[in-house]
Protein backbone atom coordinates (compact mmCIF):
# COMPACT_ATOMS: atom_id res chain seq x y z
CA MET A 1 0.00 0.00 0.00
CA THR A 2 1.46 3.35 -1.05
CA ILE A 3 1.96 6.09 1.51
CA THR A 4 2.00 9.71 0.37
CA ILE A 5 3.79 12.37 2.44
CA LEU A 6 3.46 16.09 1.74
CA ILE A 7 6.56 18.13 2.67
CA VAL A 8 5.96 21.85 3.22
CA GLU A 9 9.43 23.40 3.47
CA ASP A 10 10.78 26.68 2.05
CA GLU A 11 14.45 25.71 2.32
CA PRO A 12 15.29 23.94 -0.99
CA ILE A 13 18.19 21.83 0.28
CA LEU A 14 16.28 20.55 3.31
CA GLN A 15 13.18 19.91 1.20
CA GLU A 16 15.19 17.89 -1.31
CA THR A 17 17.02 15.96 1.44
CA ILE A 18 13.76 14.98 3.15
CA SER A 19 12.15 14.05 -0.17
CA LEU A 20 15.09 11.86 -1.16
CA ASN A 21 15.09 9.98 2.14
CA LEU A 22 11.34 9.41 2.02
CA LYS A 23 11.64 7.95 -1.47
CA ARG A 24 14.48 5.68 -0.33
CA ALA A 25 12.14 4.41 2.40
CA GLY A 26 9.54 3.50 -0.21
CA LEU A 27 7.26 6.48 0.46
CA ILE A 28 5.79 8.89 -2.10
CA ALA A 29 6.99 12.46 -1.48
CA LEU A 30 5.15 15.58 -2.63
CA CYS A 31 6.84 18.94 -2.09
CA ALA A 32 5.49 22.46 -1.52
CA ASP A 33 7.43 25.68 -0.85
CA ASN A 34 4.59 27.43 0.99
CA ALA A 35 1.07 27.02 2.38
CA GLU A 36 -0.71 28.13 -0.79
CA GLN A 37 1.15 25.61 -2.93
CA ALA A 38 0.52 22.91 -0.33
CA LYS A 39 -3.23 23.55 -0.37
CA ARG A 40 -3.30 23.33 -4.17
CA ILE A 41 -1.60 19.93 -3.96
CA ILE A 42 -4.06 18.74 -1.30
CA ILE A 43 -7.00 19.60 -3.57
CA ASN A 44 -5.77 16.97 -6.05
CA VAL A 45 -4.11 14.43 -3.76
CA LEU A 46 -4.98 13.89 -0.12
CA PRO A 47 -1.71 12.93 1.63
CA ASP A 48 -1.43 10.36 4.41
CA LEU A 49 0.79 12.69 6.46
CA VAL A 50 2.02 16.30 6.27
CA ILE A 51 5.47 17.50 7.35
CA ILE A 52 5.63 21.26 8.05
CA GLY A 53 9.13 22.67 8.18
CA GLY A 54 10.33 26.24 7.54
CA VAL A 55 8.52 29.54 7.94
CA LEU A 56 5.79 29.85 5.33
CA PRO A 57 5.10 33.12 3.43
CA ASN A 58 1.79 34.75 4.41
CA MET A 59 1.04 31.99 6.91
CA ASP A 60 3.15 30.64 9.78
CA ARG A 61 3.40 26.97 10.73
CA VAL A 62 0.93 27.23 13.59
CA GLU A 63 -1.71 28.89 11.44
CA PHE A 64 -1.24 26.44 8.57
CA ALA A 65 -1.42 23.38 10.83
CA ARG A 66 -4.59 24.70 12.45
CA SER A 67 -6.15 25.37 9.07
CA LEU A 68 -5.65 21.70 8.16
CA LYS A 69 -7.15 20.53 11.46
CA ILE A 70 -10.22 22.74 11.04
CA GLU A 71 -11.13 21.60 7.54
CA GLU A 72 -13.38 18.53 7.45
CA ARG A 73 -11.44 16.96 4.55
CA THR A 74 -8.00 17.33 6.15
CA LYS A 75 -8.64 17.25 9.90
CA SER A 76 -7.66 13.59 10.29
CA ILE A 77 -4.33 13.93 8.43
CA PRO A 78 -1.40 13.45 10.86
CA ILE A 79 1.00 16.41 11.05
CA ILE A 80 4.68 16.47 12.01
CA ILE A 81 6.33 19.82 12.74
CA LEU A 82 10.05 20.39 12.13
CA THR A 83 11.45 23.16 14.31
CA ALA A 84 14.72 24.70 15.51
CA ARG A 85 15.59 24.21 19.16
CA ASP A 86 15.09 27.89 20.02
CA GLN A 87 11.51 27.69 18.68
CA GLU A 88 10.62 24.42 20.38
CA SER A 89 8.76 25.83 23.37
CA GLU A 90 6.62 28.14 21.24
CA ILE A 91 5.67 25.40 18.78
CA ILE A 92 4.86 22.85 21.49
CA ALA A 93 2.83 25.39 23.49
CA ASN A 94 0.69 26.20 20.45
CA LEU A 95 0.37 22.76 18.91
CA VAL A 96 0.67 20.08 21.55
CA VAL A 97 -2.99 19.06 21.17
CA GLU A 98 -3.14 19.60 17.41
CA VAL A 99 -0.17 17.85 15.81
CA GLU A 100 1.06 14.30 16.17
CA ASP A 101 4.79 14.97 16.60
CA VAL A 102 7.43 17.72 16.82
CA ILE A 103 10.97 16.96 15.61
CA ILE A 104 13.85 19.23 16.63
CA LYS A 105 16.45 20.19 14.02
CA PRO A 106 19.00 18.89 13.27
CA PHE A 107 17.74 15.33 12.93
CA SER A 108 19.00 12.24 11.16
CA PRO A 109 17.17 10.64 8.21
CA HIS A 110 16.81 7.47 10.29
CA GLU A 111 15.08 9.40 13.10
CA LEU A 112 12.73 11.15 10.68
CA ILE A 113 11.64 7.92 9.00
CA ALA A 114 11.21 6.18 12.36
CA ARG A 115 9.05 9.02 13.71
CA ILE A 116 6.95 9.09 10.53
CA LYS A 117 6.30 5.35 10.74
CA ALA A 118 5.46 5.63 14.44
CA VAL A 119 2.83 8.28 13.71
CA LEU A 120 1.37 6.25 10.85
CA ARG A 121 1.17 3.12 13.01
CA ARG A 122 -0.82 5.05 15.61
CA ARG A 123 -3.12 6.85 13.20
CA LEU A 124 -3.27 4.53 10.20
CA PRO A 125 -2.64 0.94 11.35
CA GLU A 126 -3.18 -0.42 7.82
CA MET A 127 -0.08 1.52 6.73
CA ALA A 128 2.18 -0.62 8.88
CA GLU A 129 4.07 -3.49 7.24
CA GLU A 130 3.40 -5.76 10.21
CA ILE A 131 1.89 -9.21 9.77
CA ILE A 132 -1.73 -9.39 10.99
CA GLN A 133 -3.25 -12.63 12.31
CA LEU A 134 -6.97 -12.66 13.07
CA GLY A 135 -9.77 -15.20 12.89
CA GLY A 136 -7.57 -17.85 11.33
CA LEU A 137 -6.22 -15.51 8.64
CA LYS A 138 -2.61 -14.39 8.34
CA LEU A 139 -1.97 -11.33 6.16
CA ASP A 140 1.58 -10.28 5.30
CA PRO A 141 1.72 -6.80 3.68
CA ALA A 142 5.40 -7.15 2.79
CA THR A 143 4.95 -10.30 0.69
CA HIS A 144 1.35 -9.53 -0.33
CA ARG A 145 0.22 -12.98 0.82
CA VAL A 146 -2.76 -14.21 2.82
CA HIS A 147 -2.94 -17.65 4.45
CA ALA A 148 -5.92 -19.32 6.10
CA TYR A 149 -5.64 -21.75 8.98
CA ILE A 150 -8.27 -24.46 8.87
CA LYS A 151 -9.75 -25.92 12.06
CA ASP A 152 -7.73 -29.11 11.63
CA LYS A 153 -4.36 -27.79 12.82
CA GLN A 154 -2.57 -30.75 11.26
CA LEU A 155 -3.15 -29.26 7.82
CA GLU A 156 -0.78 -26.73 6.31
CA PRO A 157 -2.28 -23.22 6.04
CA ALA A 158 -3.86 -22.60 2.67
CA GLU A 159 -2.67 -19.62 0.63
CA ILE A 160 -5.45 -17.37 -0.65
CA THR A 161 -5.06 -15.58 -3.96
CA LEU A 162 -6.48 -12.04 -3.93
CA GLY A 163 -6.40 -9.27 -6.50
CA PRO A 164 -4.67 -5.98 -5.56
CA THR A 165 -7.89 -4.18 -4.58
CA GLU A 166 -9.30 -7.09 -2.60
CA PHE A 167 -5.96 -7.39 -0.78
CA ARG A 168 -5.98 -3.67 0.15
CA LEU A 169 -9.59 -3.96 1.27
CA LEU A 170 -8.90 -6.97 3.48
CA HIS A 171 -5.75 -5.34 4.86
CA PHE A 172 -7.64 -2.18 5.80
CA LEU A 173 -10.50 -4.08 7.43
CA MET A 174 -8.19 -6.38 9.40
CA ALA A 175 -5.97 -3.50 10.56
CA ASN A 176 -9.09 -1.70 11.80
CA LYS A 177 -10.86 -4.75 13.20
CA GLU A 178 -14.30 -4.40 14.79
CA ARG A 179 -14.68 -0.85 13.44
CA VAL A 180 -17.57 -0.19 11.08
CA HIS A 181 -16.66 1.67 7.88
CA THR A 182 -19.08 3.28 5.46
CA ARG A 183 -18.76 2.69 1.74
CA ALA A 184 -17.53 6.26 1.32
CA GLN A 185 -14.80 5.73 3.94
CA LEU A 186 -13.64 2.54 2.25
CA GLN A 187 -13.65 4.27 -1.11
CA ASP A 188 -11.47 7.13 0.19
CA ARG A 189 -9.03 4.72 1.81
CA LEU A 190 -8.65 2.52 -1.27
CA TRP A 191 -8.69 5.08 -4.08
CA GLY A 192 -8.44 8.51 -2.43
CA ASP A 193 -11.15 11.13 -2.18
CA HIS A 194 -10.13 12.72 -5.49
CA VAL A 195 -11.18 9.68 -7.53
CA PHE A 196 -14.87 9.23 -8.30
CA ILE A 197 -16.01 5.66 -7.71
CA GLU A 198 -19.65 4.69 -7.29
CA GLU A 199 -20.34 3.43 -3.77
CA ARG A 200 -21.82 0.20 -5.13
CA THR A 201 -18.35 -0.59 -6.48
CA ILE A 202 -17.34 -1.29 -2.87
CA ASP A 203 -20.15 -3.88 -2.69
CA VAL A 204 -18.69 -5.62 -5.74
CA TYR A 205 -15.24 -5.91 -4.16
CA ILE A 206 -16.74 -7.05 -0.86
CA ARG A 207 -18.58 -9.84 -2.72
CA ARG A 208 -15.38 -10.86 -4.51
CA LEU A 209 -13.49 -10.91 -1.21
CA ARG A 210 -16.16 -13.02 0.48
CA THR A 211 -16.28 -15.43 -2.46
CA THR A 212 -12.54 -16.05 -2.12
CA LEU A 213 -12.73 -16.39 1.68
CA LYS A 214 -15.66 -18.81 1.39
CA VAL A 215 -13.34 -21.42 -0.12
CA VAL A 216 -11.57 -21.64 3.26
CA GLY A 217 -14.69 -21.04 5.36
CA LYS A 218 -13.74 -17.50 6.41
CA GLU A 219 -16.37 -15.43 4.57
CA ASN A 220 -18.23 -14.56 7.79
CA LEU A 221 -15.28 -12.53 9.04
CA VAL A 222 -16.28 -9.71 6.66
CA GLN A 223 -19.62 -8.57 8.04
CA THR A 224 -22.31 -6.23 6.76
CA VAL A 225 -23.66 -3.69 9.24
CA ARG A 226 -27.10 -2.88 7.93
CA GLY A 227 -27.57 0.73 6.89
CA ILE A 228 -23.94 1.65 7.63
CA GLY A 229 -21.26 -0.39 5.90
CA TYR A 230 -18.80 -3.19 6.65
CA ARG A 231 -16.43 -4.45 9.33
CA PHE A 232 -13.98 -7.27 9.99
CA SER A 233 -14.96 -9.14 13.15
CA VAL A 234 -13.97 -12.44 14.74
CA GLU A 235 -17.01 -12.36 17.05
């Protein structure tokens, strides 16, 4: 599953350094020099996380971060602030309840990537590359494989073949187990809110997923919540 990070930084060298390290870590990096440019990017592509670095023309970091948290479309996007040590107290005082992390400059690429992944694990569990085992299913995001354990434990686990969309759908539902998701929420998570997909398309992929899981007797793990949407539940 691709992860898109928006970097808002007015210092070209630092912006390029961060972008390069994100790409090396397998992340998609989008860059903006100021708040206005960042907002134009967000209109077209909703990022999974925003990094706010240098001082932004016509809008400071605090104001820009708050503007993202106020807007309905962007309020759930995690934000990481990059700040100099002499500005740390001011940033933390203003943003402690509004952003997910504050990183003090200078920082190493390893620290930045580790902090980004920590935030994503907390806010977007499906973004983690960790193996998930629930209800007799084992999903490995790194190898893109799903295995099912049958009741007879003497048998080897059966590998399930899923298409890319069905795999992403199952991954998201398993990572957010027991939570009910509307069709619109699933659509945004799978394709992004800038892509128009009819809500009934989700029903088609749910049916395909259940059909595949039925072969190993696991179709009941993907449940319909009448009038709302779908959830993954072992109960």
